[in-house]
């Protein structure tokens, strides 16, 4: 198991109560997003408008508001690919989740995906 169910549920509730959350896009994420939507004008900063839990394998994901017209296919990305504002009230909890999840995923990859 990658996520800790109780802590994950608590974090999702806290994040939802704090929406919208300001984030920066990691450069690699921004590049991937531009490949999927070349006509999109992607800002460096945007807002998380919804939170989803994609199960233990997918983790917490966020819908992004990149500004402009509402996209027909909104960007939904893993929380691990976002850089949250350090002044955000839930920054420490988000950062702890991100570190824990990345560590567990790396460990799982190191043992042949464990599936």
PDB file of N, CA and C in Angstrom:
ATOM      1  N   UNK A   1       0.847  -1.176   0.000  1.00  0.00           N
ATOM      2  CA  UNK A   1       0.000   0.000   0.000  1.00  0.00           C
ATOM      3  C   UNK A   1       0.898   1.248   0.000  1.00  0.00           C
ATOM      4  N   UNK A   2       0.576   2.176  -0.898  1.00  0.00           N
ATOM      5  CA  UNK A   2       1.371   3.398  -1.032  1.00  0.00           C
ATOM      6  C   UNK A   2       0.881   4.472  -0.067  1.00  0.00           C
ATOM      7  N   UNK A   3      -0.420   4.745  -0.094  1.00  0.00           N
ATOM      8  CA  UNK A   3      -0.981   5.813   0.740  1.00  0.00           C
ATOM      9  C   UNK A   3      -1.421   5.294   2.106  1.00  0.00           C
ATOM     10  N   UNK A   4      -1.439   6.202   3.053  1.00  0.00           N
ATOM     11  CA  UNK A   4      -1.973   5.920   4.381  1.00  0.00           C
ATOM     12  C   UNK A   4      -3.409   6.433   4.372  1.00  0.00           C
ATOM     13  N   UNK A   5      -4.410   5.520   4.318  1.00  0.00           N
ATOM     14  CA  UNK A   5      -5.803   5.919   4.081  1.00  0.00           C
ATOM     15  C   UNK A   5      -6.329   7.042   4.975  1.00  0.00           C
ATOM     16  N   UNK A   6      -6.113   6.959   6.273  1.00  0.00           N
ATOM     17  CA  UNK A   6      -6.661   7.982   7.175  1.00  0.00           C
ATOM     18  C   UNK A   6      -6.029   9.341   6.918  1.00  0.00           C
ATOM     19  N   UNK A   7      -4.704   9.368   6.766  1.00  0.00           N
ATOM     20  CA  UNK A   7      -4.007  10.628   6.521  1.00  0.00           C
ATOM     21  C   UNK A   7      -4.378  11.209   5.159  1.00  0.00           C
ATOM     22  N   UNK A   8      -4.545  10.344   4.169  1.00  0.00           N
ATOM     23  CA  UNK A   8      -4.900  10.801   2.831  1.00  0.00           C
ATOM     24  C   UNK A   8      -6.294  11.415   2.819  1.00  0.00           C
ATOM     25  N   UNK A   9      -7.248  10.759   3.461  1.00  0.00           N
ATOM     26  CA  UNK A   9      -8.615  11.280   3.545  1.00  0.00           C
ATOM     27  C   UNK A   9      -8.626  12.624   4.255  1.00  0.00           C
ATOM     28  N   UNK A  10      -7.879  12.723   5.344  1.00  0.00           N
ATOM     29  CA  UNK A  10      -7.804  13.980   6.097  1.00  0.00           C
ATOM     30  C   UNK A  10      -7.202  15.090   5.238  1.00  0.00           C
ATOM     31  N   UNK A  11      -6.129  14.779   4.498  1.00  0.00           N
ATOM     32  CA  UNK A  11      -5.495  15.782   3.646  1.00  0.00           C
ATOM     33  C   UNK A  11      -6.451  16.251   2.546  1.00  0.00           C
ATOM     34  N   UNK A  12      -7.174  15.333   1.931  1.00  0.00           N
ATOM     35  CA  UNK A  12      -8.126  15.701   0.887  1.00  0.00           C
ATOM     36  C   UNK A  12      -9.180  16.652   1.445  1.00  0.00           C
ATOM     37  N   UNK A  13      -9.699  16.361   2.609  1.00  0.00           N
ATOM     38  CA  UNK A  13     -10.710  17.224   3.234  1.00  0.00           C
ATOM     39  C   UNK A  13     -10.154  18.612   3.515  1.00  0.00           C
ATOM     40  N   UNK A  14      -8.940  18.673   4.027  1.00  0.00           N
ATOM     41  CA  UNK A  14      -8.300  19.954   4.327  1.00  0.00           C
ATOM     42  C   UNK A  14      -8.052  20.739   3.039  1.00  0.00           C
ATOM     43  N   UNK A  15      -7.579  20.049   2.006  1.00  0.00           N
ATOM     44  CA  UNK A  15      -7.317  20.716   0.728  1.00  0.00           C
ATOM     45  C   UNK A  15      -8.609  21.244   0.115  1.00  0.00           C
ATOM     46  N   UNK A  16      -9.667  20.434   0.137  1.00  0.00           N
ATOM     47  CA  UNK A  16     -10.943  20.870  -0.437  1.00  0.00           C
ATOM     48  C   UNK A  16     -11.478  22.107   0.278  1.00  0.00           C
ATOM     49  N   UNK A  17     -11.271  22.170   1.583  1.00  0.00           N
ATOM     50  CA  UNK A  17     -11.723  23.337   2.350  1.00  0.00           C
ATOM     51  C   UNK A  17     -10.877  24.570   2.047  1.00  0.00           C
ATOM     52  N   UNK A  18      -9.687  24.375   1.482  1.00  0.00           N
ATOM     53  CA  UNK A  18      -8.766  25.479   1.196  1.00  0.00           C
ATOM     54  C   UNK A  18      -8.779  25.924  -0.259  1.00  0.00           C
ATOM     55  N   UNK A  19      -9.607  25.306  -1.088  1.00  0.00           N
ATOM     56  CA  UNK A  19      -9.640  25.644  -2.516  1.00  0.00           C
ATOM     57  C   UNK A  19     -10.079  27.073  -2.752  1.00  0.00           C
ATOM     58  N   UNK A  20      -9.577  27.726  -3.777  1.00  0.00           N
ATOM     59  CA  UNK A  20      -8.556  27.276  -4.716  1.00  0.00           C
ATOM     60  C   UNK A  20      -7.160  27.405  -4.103  1.00  0.00           C
ATOM     61  N   UNK A  21      -6.288  26.499  -4.491  1.00  0.00           N
ATOM     62  CA  UNK A  21      -4.906  26.516  -4.028  1.00  0.00           C
ATOM     63  C   UNK A  21      -4.004  26.933  -5.179  1.00  0.00           C
ATOM     64  N   UNK A  22      -3.074  27.847  -4.911  1.00  0.00           N
ATOM     65  CA  UNK A  22      -2.151  28.323  -5.943  1.00  0.00           C
ATOM     66  C   UNK A  22      -0.985  27.360  -6.064  1.00  0.00           C
ATOM     67  N   UNK A  23      -0.619  27.032  -7.309  1.00  0.00           N
ATOM     68  CA  UNK A  23       0.486  26.115  -7.571  1.00  0.00           C
ATOM     69  C   UNK A  23       1.316  26.606  -8.751  1.00  0.00           C
ATOM     70  N   UNK A  24       2.530  26.092  -8.818  1.00  0.00           N
ATOM     71  CA  UNK A  24       3.383  26.266  -9.991  1.00  0.00           C
ATOM     72  C   UNK A  24       3.506  24.905 -10.663  1.00  0.00           C
ATOM     73  N   UNK A  25       3.670  24.925 -11.967  1.00  0.00           N
ATOM     74  CA  UNK A  25       3.832  23.687 -12.717  1.00  0.00           C
ATOM     75  C   UNK A  25       5.310  23.344 -12.816  1.00  0.00           C
ATOM     76  N   UNK A  26       5.645  22.092 -12.537  1.00  0.00           N
ATOM     77  CA  UNK A  26       7.019  21.669 -12.760  1.00  0.00           C
ATOM     78  C   UNK A  26       7.289  21.763 -14.260  1.00  0.00           C
ATOM     79  N   UNK A  27       8.506  22.130 -14.653  1.00  0.00           N
ATOM     80  CA  UNK A  27       8.812  22.280 -16.089  1.00  0.00           C
ATOM     81  C   UNK A  27       8.495  21.025 -16.909  1.00  0.00           C
ATOM     82  N   UNK A  28       8.773  19.850 -16.366  1.00  0.00           N
ATOM     83  CA  UNK A  28       8.482  18.625 -17.124  1.00  0.00           C
ATOM     84  C   UNK A  28       6.975  18.441 -17.310  1.00  0.00           C
ATOM     85  N   UNK A  29       6.192  18.791 -16.302  1.00  0.00           N
ATOM     86  CA  UNK A  29       4.743  18.707 -16.407  1.00  0.00           C
ATOM     87  C   UNK A  29       4.236  19.684 -17.463  1.00  0.00           C
ATOM     88  N   UNK A  30       4.752  20.884 -17.437  1.00  0.00           N
ATOM     89  CA  UNK A  30       4.331  21.907 -18.399  1.00  0.00           C
ATOM     90  C   UNK A  30       4.627  21.443 -19.830  1.00  0.00           C
ATOM     91  N   UNK A  31       5.778  20.827 -20.039  1.00  0.00           N
ATOM     92  CA  UNK A  31       6.135  20.309 -21.365  1.00  0.00           C
ATOM     93  C   UNK A  31       5.158  19.231 -21.822  1.00  0.00           C
ATOM     94  N   UNK A  32       4.806  18.331 -20.920  1.00  0.00           N
ATOM     95  CA  UNK A  32       3.844  17.273 -21.255  1.00  0.00           C
ATOM     96  C   UNK A  32       2.467  17.853 -21.566  1.00  0.00           C
ATOM     97  N   UNK A  33       2.059  18.833 -20.800  1.00  0.00           N
ATOM     98  CA  UNK A  33       0.759  19.468 -21.025  1.00  0.00           C
ATOM     99  C   UNK A  33       0.726  20.162 -22.385  1.00  0.00           C
ATOM    100  N   UNK A  34       1.826  20.800 -22.761  1.00  0.00           N
ATOM    101  CA  UNK A  34       1.893  21.478 -24.060  1.00  0.00           C
ATOM    102  C   UNK A  34       1.852  20.482 -25.216  1.00  0.00           C
ATOM    103  N   UNK A  35       2.390  19.285 -25.004  1.00  0.00           N
ATOM    104  CA  UNK A  35       2.312  18.246 -26.036  1.00  0.00           C
ATOM    105  C   UNK A  35       0.865  17.792 -26.231  1.00  0.00           C
ATOM    106  N   UNK A  36       0.107  17.741 -25.131  1.00  0.00           N
ATOM    107  CA  UNK A  36      -1.284  17.310 -25.219  1.00  0.00           C
ATOM    108  C   UNK A  36      -2.196  18.407 -25.756  1.00  0.00           C
ATOM    109  N   UNK A  37      -1.835  19.648 -25.499  1.00  0.00           N
ATOM    110  CA  UNK A  37      -2.665  20.781 -25.934  1.00  0.00           C
ATOM    111  C   UNK A  37      -1.754  21.892 -26.444  1.00  0.00           C
ATOM    112  N   UNK A  38      -1.210  21.717 -27.656  1.00  0.00           N
ATOM    113  CA  UNK A  38      -0.234  22.688 -28.178  1.00  0.00           C
ATOM    114  C   UNK A  38      -0.758  24.116 -28.273  1.00  0.00           C
ATOM    115  N   UNK A  39      -2.055  24.274 -28.444  1.00  0.00           N
ATOM    116  CA  UNK A  39      -2.629  25.625 -28.585  1.00  0.00           C
ATOM    117  C   UNK A  39      -2.862  26.297 -27.236  1.00  0.00           C
ATOM    118  N   UNK A  40      -2.703  25.558 -26.153  1.00  0.00           N
ATOM    119  CA  UNK A  40      -2.963  26.115 -24.822  1.00  0.00           C
ATOM    120  C   UNK A  40      -1.892  27.131 -24.445  1.00  0.00           C
ATOM    121  N   UNK A  41      -2.333  28.194 -23.803  1.00  0.00           N
ATOM    122  CA  UNK A  41      -1.412  29.204 -23.286  1.00  0.00           C
ATOM    123  C   UNK A  41      -1.241  28.898 -21.801  1.00  0.00           C
ATOM    124  N   UNK A  42      -0.246  28.085 -21.479  1.00  0.00           N
ATOM    125  CA  UNK A  42      -0.072  27.632 -20.106  1.00  0.00           C
ATOM    126  C   UNK A  42       0.742  28.626 -19.291  1.00  0.00           C
ATOM    127  N   UNK A  43       0.166  29.091 -18.204  1.00  0.00           N
ATOM    128  CA  UNK A  43       0.919  29.982 -17.312  1.00  0.00           C
ATOM    129  C   UNK A  43       1.865  29.160 -16.434  1.00  0.00           C
ATOM    130  N   UNK A  44       2.814  29.829 -15.805  1.00  0.00           N
ATOM    131  CA  UNK A  44       3.689  29.131 -14.860  1.00  0.00           C
ATOM    132  C   UNK A  44       2.956  28.830 -13.561  1.00  0.00           C
ATOM    133  N   UNK A  45       1.994  29.692 -13.219  1.00  0.00           N
ATOM    134  CA  UNK A  45       1.205  29.529 -12.000  1.00  0.00           C
ATOM    135  C   UNK A  45      -0.263  29.368 -12.370  1.00  0.00           C
ATOM    136  N   UNK A  46      -0.943  28.542 -11.602  1.00  0.00           N
ATOM    137  CA  UNK A  46      -2.376  28.353 -11.828  1.00  0.00           C
ATOM    138  C   UNK A  46      -3.028  27.955 -10.507  1.00  0.00           C
ATOM    139  N   UNK A  47      -4.292  27.601 -10.562  1.00  0.00           N
ATOM    140  CA  UNK A  47      -5.027  27.259  -9.341  1.00  0.00           C
ATOM    141  C   UNK A  47      -5.592  25.844  -9.430  1.00  0.00           C
ATOM    142  N   UNK A  48      -5.552  25.161  -8.304  1.00  0.00           N
ATOM    143  CA  UNK A  48      -6.219  23.868  -8.165  1.00  0.00           C
ATOM    144  C   UNK A  48      -7.666  24.177  -7.808  1.00  0.00           C
ATOM    145  N   UNK A  49      -8.605  23.618  -8.592  1.00  0.00           N
ATOM    146  CA  UNK A  49     -10.016  23.912  -8.371  1.00  0.00           C
ATOM    147  C   UNK A  49     -10.803  22.715  -7.852  1.00  0.00           C
ATOM    148  N   UNK A  50     -10.274  21.510  -8.036  1.00  0.00           N
ATOM    149  CA  UNK A  50     -10.927  20.310  -7.519  1.00  0.00           C
ATOM    150  C   UNK A  50      -9.878  19.291  -7.134  1.00  0.00           C
ATOM    151  N   UNK A  51     -10.241  18.440  -6.184  1.00  0.00           N
ATOM    152  CA  UNK A  51      -9.363  17.374  -5.708  1.00  0.00           C
ATOM    153  C   UNK A  51     -10.053  16.037  -5.974  1.00  0.00           C
ATOM    154  N   UNK A  52      -9.274  15.068  -6.448  1.00  0.00           N
ATOM    155  CA  UNK A  52      -9.787  13.723  -6.705  1.00  0.00           C
ATOM    156  C   UNK A  52      -8.853  12.709  -6.061  1.00  0.00           C
ATOM    157  N   UNK A  53      -9.401  11.607  -5.627  1.00  0.00           N
ATOM    158  CA  UNK A  53      -8.550  10.513  -5.167  1.00  0.00           C
ATOM    159  C   UNK A  53      -8.678   9.390  -6.176  1.00  0.00           C
ATOM    160  N   UNK A  54      -7.567   9.007  -6.766  1.00  0.00           N
ATOM    161  CA  UNK A  54      -7.538   8.009  -7.829  1.00  0.00           C
ATOM    162  C   UNK A  54      -7.141   6.630  -7.308  1.00  0.00           C
ATOM    163  N   UNK A  55      -7.414   6.392  -6.035  1.00  0.00           N
ATOM    164  CA  UNK A  55      -7.056   5.101  -5.447  1.00  0.00           C
ATOM    165  C   UNK A  55      -5.589   5.073  -5.070  1.00  0.00           C
ATOM    166  N   UNK A  56      -5.186   3.979  -4.471  1.00  0.00           N
ATOM    167  CA  UNK A  56      -3.810   3.859  -3.994  1.00  0.00           C
ATOM    168  C   UNK A  56      -2.798   3.975  -5.131  1.00  0.00           C
ATOM    169  N   UNK A  57      -3.124   3.445  -6.296  1.00  0.00           N
ATOM    170  CA  UNK A  57      -2.198   3.496  -7.430  1.00  0.00           C
ATOM    171  C   UNK A  57      -2.058   4.903  -8.007  1.00  0.00           C
ATOM    172  N   UNK A  58      -3.152   5.677  -8.041  1.00  0.00           N
ATOM    173  CA  UNK A  58      -3.122   7.004  -8.646  1.00  0.00           C
ATOM    174  C   UNK A  58      -2.895   8.138  -7.664  1.00  0.00           C
ATOM    175  N   UNK A  59      -3.279   7.929  -6.410  1.00  0.00           N
ATOM    176  CA  UNK A  59      -3.091   8.947  -5.390  1.00  0.00           C
ATOM    177  C   UNK A  59      -4.006  10.153  -5.559  1.00  0.00           C
ATOM    178  N   UNK A  60      -3.618  11.243  -4.931  1.00  0.00           N
ATOM    179  CA  UNK A  60      -4.393  12.480  -5.002  1.00  0.00           C
ATOM    180  C   UNK A  60      -4.053  13.191  -6.311  1.00  0.00           C
ATOM    181  N   UNK A  61      -5.100  13.591  -7.024  1.00  0.00           N
ATOM    182  CA  UNK A  61      -4.927  14.346  -8.263  1.00  0.00           C
ATOM    183  C   UNK A  61      -5.706  15.647  -8.154  1.00  0.00           C
ATOM    184  N   UNK A  62      -5.299  16.617  -8.959  1.00  0.00           N
ATOM    185  CA  UNK A  62      -5.880  17.957  -8.888  1.00  0.00           C
ATOM    186  C   UNK A  62      -6.303  18.434 -10.269  1.00  0.00           C
ATOM    187  N   UNK A  63      -7.479  19.059 -10.334  1.00  0.00           N
ATOM    188  CA  UNK A  63      -7.905  19.710 -11.568  1.00  0.00           C
ATOM    189  C   UNK A  63      -7.361  21.127 -11.524  1.00  0.00           C
ATOM    190  N   UNK A  64      -6.769  21.550 -12.638  1.00  0.00           N
ATOM    191  CA  UNK A  64      -6.132  22.859 -12.699  1.00  0.00           C
ATOM    192  C   UNK A  64      -6.962  23.853 -13.502  1.00  0.00           C
ATOM    193  N   UNK A  65      -7.031  25.065 -12.998  1.00  0.00           N
ATOM    194  CA  UNK A  65      -7.606  26.185 -13.735  1.00  0.00           C
ATOM    195  C   UNK A  65      -6.417  26.949 -14.296  1.00  0.00           C
ATOM    196  N   UNK A  66      -6.233  26.841 -15.617  1.00  0.00           N
ATOM    197  CA  UNK A  66      -5.083  27.500 -16.227  1.00  0.00           C
ATOM    198  C   UNK A  66      -5.437  28.863 -16.790  1.00  0.00           C
ATOM    199  N   UNK A  67      -6.661  29.320 -16.499  1.00  0.00           N
ATOM    200  CA  UNK A  67      -7.102  30.622 -16.977  1.00  0.00           C
ATOM    201  C   UNK A  67      -7.719  30.510 -18.352  1.00  0.00           C
ATOM    202  N   UNK A  68      -8.256  31.598 -18.829  1.00  0.00           N
ATOM    203  CA  UNK A  68      -8.888  31.610 -20.147  1.00  0.00           C
ATOM    204  C   UNK A  68     -10.212  30.871 -20.130  1.00  0.00           C
ATOM    205  N   UNK A  69     -10.635  30.446 -21.314  1.00  0.00           N
ATOM    206  CA  UNK A  69     -11.890  29.707 -21.430  1.00  0.00           C
ATOM    207  C   UNK A  69     -11.768  28.359 -20.748  1.00  0.00           C
ATOM    208  N   UNK A  70     -12.881  27.890 -20.225  1.00  0.00           N
ATOM    209  CA  UNK A  70     -12.913  26.578 -19.582  1.00  0.00           C
ATOM    210  C   UNK A  70     -12.604  25.508 -20.631  1.00  0.00           C
ATOM    211  N   UNK A  71     -11.551  24.732 -20.443  1.00  0.00           N
ATOM    212  CA  UNK A  71     -11.207  23.727 -21.444  1.00  0.00           C
ATOM    213  C   UNK A  71     -12.228  22.596 -21.476  1.00  0.00           C
ATOM    214  N   UNK A  72     -12.440  22.043 -22.674  1.00  0.00           N
ATOM    215  CA  UNK A  72     -13.344  20.910 -22.787  1.00  0.00           C
ATOM    216  C   UNK A  72     -12.768  19.694 -22.071  1.00  0.00           C
ATOM    217  N   UNK A  73     -11.472  19.555 -22.119  1.00  0.00           N
ATOM    218  CA  UNK A  73     -10.781  18.472 -21.419  1.00  0.00           C
ATOM    219  C   UNK A  73      -9.839  19.097 -20.393  1.00  0.00           C
ATOM    220  N   UNK A  74     -10.310  19.295 -19.182  1.00  0.00           N
ATOM    221  CA  UNK A  74      -9.483  19.981 -18.186  1.00  0.00           C
ATOM    222  C   UNK A  74      -8.243  19.157 -17.828  1.00  0.00           C
ATOM    223  N   UNK A  75      -7.232  19.858 -17.380  1.00  0.00           N
ATOM    224  CA  UNK A  75      -6.006  19.180 -16.953  1.00  0.00           C
ATOM    225  C   UNK A  75      -6.197  18.650 -15.537  1.00  0.00           C
ATOM    226  N   UNK A  76      -6.006  17.360 -15.378  1.00  0.00           N
ATOM    227  CA  UNK A  76      -6.042  16.721 -14.061  1.00  0.00           C
ATOM    228  C   UNK A  76      -4.694  16.037 -13.906  1.00  0.00           C
ATOM    229  N   UNK A  77      -3.949  16.458 -12.873  1.00  0.00           N
ATOM    230  CA  UNK A  77      -2.582  15.960 -12.696  1.00  0.00           C
ATOM    231  C   UNK A  77      -2.365  15.493 -11.265  1.00  0.00           C
ATOM    232  N   UNK A  78      -1.379  14.630 -11.121  1.00  0.00           N
ATOM    233  CA  UNK A  78      -1.017  14.126  -9.800  1.00  0.00           C
ATOM    234  C   UNK A  78      -0.466  15.252  -8.932  1.00  0.00           C
ATOM    235  N   UNK A  79      -0.805  15.200  -7.684  1.00  0.00           N
ATOM    236  CA  UNK A  79      -0.320  16.188  -6.714  1.00  0.00           C
ATOM    237  C   UNK A  79       1.214  16.200  -6.651  1.00  0.00           C
ATOM    238  N   UNK A  80       1.838  15.074  -6.999  1.00  0.00           N
ATOM    239  CA  UNK A  80       3.293  14.981  -6.908  1.00  0.00           C
ATOM    240  C   UNK A  80       4.003  15.799  -7.981  1.00  0.00           C
ATOM    241  N   UNK A  81       3.272  16.271  -9.002  1.00  0.00           N
ATOM    242  CA  UNK A  81       3.874  17.054 -10.077  1.00  0.00           C
ATOM    243  C   UNK A  81       3.620  18.550  -9.939  1.00  0.00           C
ATOM    244  N   UNK A  82       3.089  18.944  -8.787  1.00  0.00           N
ATOM    245  CA  UNK A  82       2.773  20.353  -8.561  1.00  0.00           C
ATOM    246  C   UNK A  82       3.645  20.926  -7.456  1.00  0.00           C
ATOM    247  N   UNK A  83       3.933  22.204  -7.575  1.00  0.00           N
ATOM    248  CA  UNK A  83       4.716  22.912  -6.567  1.00  0.00           C
ATOM    249  C   UNK A  83       3.770  23.883  -5.871  1.00  0.00           C
ATOM    250  N   UNK A  84       3.480  23.611  -4.615  1.00  0.00           N
ATOM    251  CA  UNK A  84       2.523  24.422  -3.861  1.00  0.00           C
ATOM    252  C   UNK A  84       3.215  25.599  -3.199  1.00  0.00           C
ATOM    253  N   UNK A  85       2.470  26.680  -3.036  1.00  0.00           N
ATOM    254  CA  UNK A  85       2.958  27.895  -2.378  1.00  0.00           C
ATOM    255  C   UNK A  85       3.322  27.582  -0.930  1.00  0.00           C
ATOM    256  N   UNK A  86       4.527  27.948  -0.530  1.00  0.00           N
ATOM    257  CA  UNK A  86       4.997  27.682   0.835  1.00  0.00           C
ATOM    258  C   UNK A  86       4.166  28.398   1.898  1.00  0.00           C
ATOM    259  N   UNK A  87       3.458  29.439   1.505  1.00  0.00           N
ATOM    260  CA  UNK A  87       2.647  30.200   2.451  1.00  0.00           C
ATOM    261  C   UNK A  87       1.230  29.645   2.589  1.00  0.00           C
ATOM    262  N   UNK A  88       0.940  28.623   1.810  1.00  0.00           N
ATOM    263  CA  UNK A  88      -0.370  27.967   1.865  1.00  0.00           C
ATOM    264  C   UNK A  88      -0.536  27.321   3.250  1.00  0.00           C
ATOM    265  N   UNK A  89      -1.726  27.422   3.805  1.00  0.00           N
ATOM    266  CA  UNK A  89      -1.958  26.900   5.159  1.00  0.00           C
ATOM    267  C   UNK A  89      -1.780  25.390   5.265  1.00  0.00           C
ATOM    268  N   UNK A  90      -1.918  24.673   4.147  1.00  0.00           N
ATOM    269  CA  UNK A  90      -1.777  23.209   4.182  1.00  0.00           C
ATOM    270  C   UNK A  90      -0.481  22.741   3.523  1.00  0.00           C
ATOM    271  N   UNK A  91       0.451  23.663   3.317  1.00  0.00           N
ATOM    272  CA  UNK A  91       1.699  23.331   2.621  1.00  0.00           C
ATOM    273  C   UNK A  91       2.431  22.163   3.270  1.00  0.00           C
ATOM    274  N   UNK A  92       2.593  22.171   4.560  1.00  0.00           N
ATOM    275  CA  UNK A  92       3.374  21.117   5.227  1.00  0.00           C
ATOM    276  C   UNK A  92       2.737  19.744   5.062  1.00  0.00           C
ATOM    277  N   UNK A  93       1.413  19.678   5.160  1.00  0.00           N
ATOM    278  CA  UNK A  93       0.727  18.398   4.991  1.00  0.00           C
ATOM    279  C   UNK A  93       0.861  17.901   3.545  1.00  0.00           C
ATOM    280  N   UNK A  94       0.741  18.816   2.585  1.00  0.00           N
ATOM    281  CA  UNK A  94       0.871  18.448   1.178  1.00  0.00           C
ATOM    282  C   UNK A  94       2.290  17.973   0.901  1.00  0.00           C
ATOM    283  N   UNK A  95       3.262  18.708   1.376  1.00  0.00           N
ATOM    284  CA  UNK A  95       4.662  18.343   1.153  1.00  0.00           C
ATOM    285  C   UNK A  95       4.978  16.977   1.764  1.00  0.00           C
ATOM    286  N   UNK A  96       4.463  16.716   2.943  1.00  0.00           N
ATOM    287  CA  UNK A  96       4.688  15.414   3.592  1.00  0.00           C
ATOM    288  C   UNK A  96       4.074  14.291   2.752  1.00  0.00           C
ATOM    289  N   UNK A  97       2.869  14.513   2.226  1.00  0.00           N
ATOM    290  CA  UNK A  97       2.222  13.513   1.378  1.00  0.00           C
ATOM    291  C   UNK A  97       3.052  13.280   0.110  1.00  0.00           C
ATOM    292  N   UNK A  98       3.489  14.372  -0.517  1.00  0.00           N
ATOM    293  CA  UNK A  98       4.273  14.259  -1.744  1.00  0.00           C
ATOM    294  C   UNK A  98       5.561  13.460  -1.496  1.00  0.00           C
ATOM    295  N   UNK A  99       6.286  13.802  -0.438  1.00  0.00           N
ATOM    296  CA  UNK A  99       7.532  13.086  -0.133  1.00  0.00           C
ATOM    297  C   UNK A  99       7.272  11.610   0.130  1.00  0.00           C
ATOM    298  N   UNK A 100       6.250  11.315   0.934  1.00  0.00           N
ATOM    299  CA  UNK A 100       5.912   9.937   1.278  1.00  0.00           C
ATOM    300  C   UNK A 100       5.558   9.151   0.017  1.00  0.00           C
ATOM    301  N   UNK A 101       4.718   9.738  -0.826  1.00  0.00           N
ATOM    302  CA  UNK A 101       4.258   9.044  -2.026  1.00  0.00           C
ATOM    303  C   UNK A 101       5.406   8.794  -2.999  1.00  0.00           C
ATOM    304  N   UNK A 102       6.241   9.795  -3.236  1.00  0.00           N
ATOM    305  CA  UNK A 102       7.372   9.633  -4.155  1.00  0.00           C
ATOM    306  C   UNK A 102       8.327   8.567  -3.624  1.00  0.00           C
ATOM    307  N   UNK A 103       8.584   8.575  -2.337  1.00  0.00           N
ATOM    308  CA  UNK A 103       9.466   7.574  -1.726  1.00  0.00           C
ATOM    309  C   UNK A 103       8.902   6.167  -1.930  1.00  0.00           C
ATOM    310  N   UNK A 104       7.620   5.995  -1.675  1.00  0.00           N
ATOM    311  CA  UNK A 104       6.986   4.683  -1.829  1.00  0.00           C
ATOM    312  C   UNK A 104       6.983   4.237  -3.291  1.00  0.00           C
ATOM    313  N   UNK A 105       6.726   5.158  -4.212  1.00  0.00           N
ATOM    314  CA  UNK A 105       6.722   4.806  -5.632  1.00  0.00           C
ATOM    315  C   UNK A 105       8.112   4.402  -6.110  1.00  0.00           C
ATOM    316  N   UNK A 106       9.135   5.109  -5.662  1.00  0.00           N
ATOM    317  CA  UNK A 106      10.506   4.751  -6.032  1.00  0.00           C
ATOM    318  C   UNK A 106      10.864   3.379  -5.488  1.00  0.00           C
ATOM    319  N   UNK A 107      10.452   3.118  -4.270  1.00  0.00           N
ATOM    320  CA  UNK A 107      10.721   1.822  -3.645  1.00  0.00           C
ATOM    321  C   UNK A 107      10.030   0.710  -4.426  1.00  0.00           C
ATOM    322  N   UNK A 108       8.796   0.961  -4.830  1.00  0.00           N
ATOM    323  CA  UNK A 108       8.031  -0.034  -5.592  1.00  0.00           C
ATOM    324  C   UNK A 108       8.672  -0.282  -6.953  1.00  0.00           C
ATOM    325  N   UNK A 109       9.146   0.771  -7.617  1.00  0.00           N
ATOM    326  CA  UNK A 109       9.795   0.613  -8.919  1.00  0.00           C
ATOM    327  C   UNK A 109      11.080  -0.195  -8.794  1.00  0.00           C
ATOM    328  N   UNK A 110      11.772  -0.013  -7.698  1.00  0.00           N
ATOM    329  CA  UNK A 110      13.017  -0.707  -7.465  1.00  0.00           C
ATOM    330  C   UNK A 110      12.850  -2.208  -7.300  1.00  0.00           C
ATOM    331  N   UNK A 111      11.660  -2.650  -7.002  1.00  0.00           N
ATOM    332  CA  UNK A 111      11.422  -4.092  -6.846  1.00  0.00           C
ATOM    333  C   UNK A 111      10.522  -4.647  -7.954  1.00  0.00           C
ATOM    334  N   UNK A 112      10.599  -4.050  -9.132  1.00  0.00           N
ATOM    335  CA  UNK A 112       9.880  -4.581 -10.287  1.00  0.00           C
ATOM    336  C   UNK A 112       8.399  -4.325 -10.266  1.00  0.00           C
ATOM    337  N   UNK A 113       7.999  -3.148  -9.799  1.00  0.00           N
ATOM    338  CA  UNK A 113       6.598  -2.696  -9.739  1.00  0.00           C
ATOM    339  C   UNK A 113       5.766  -3.402  -8.700  1.00  0.00           C
ATOM    340  N   UNK A 114       6.167  -4.528  -8.197  1.00  0.00           N
ATOM    341  CA  UNK A 114       5.454  -5.202  -7.122  1.00  0.00           C
ATOM    342  C   UNK A 114       4.018  -5.586  -7.442  1.00  0.00           C
ATOM    343  N   UNK A 115       3.707  -5.674  -8.720  1.00  0.00           N
ATOM    344  CA  UNK A 115       2.326  -6.002  -9.096  1.00  0.00           C
ATOM    345  C   UNK A 115       2.222  -7.451  -9.486  1.00  0.00           C
TER     346      UNK A 115
END
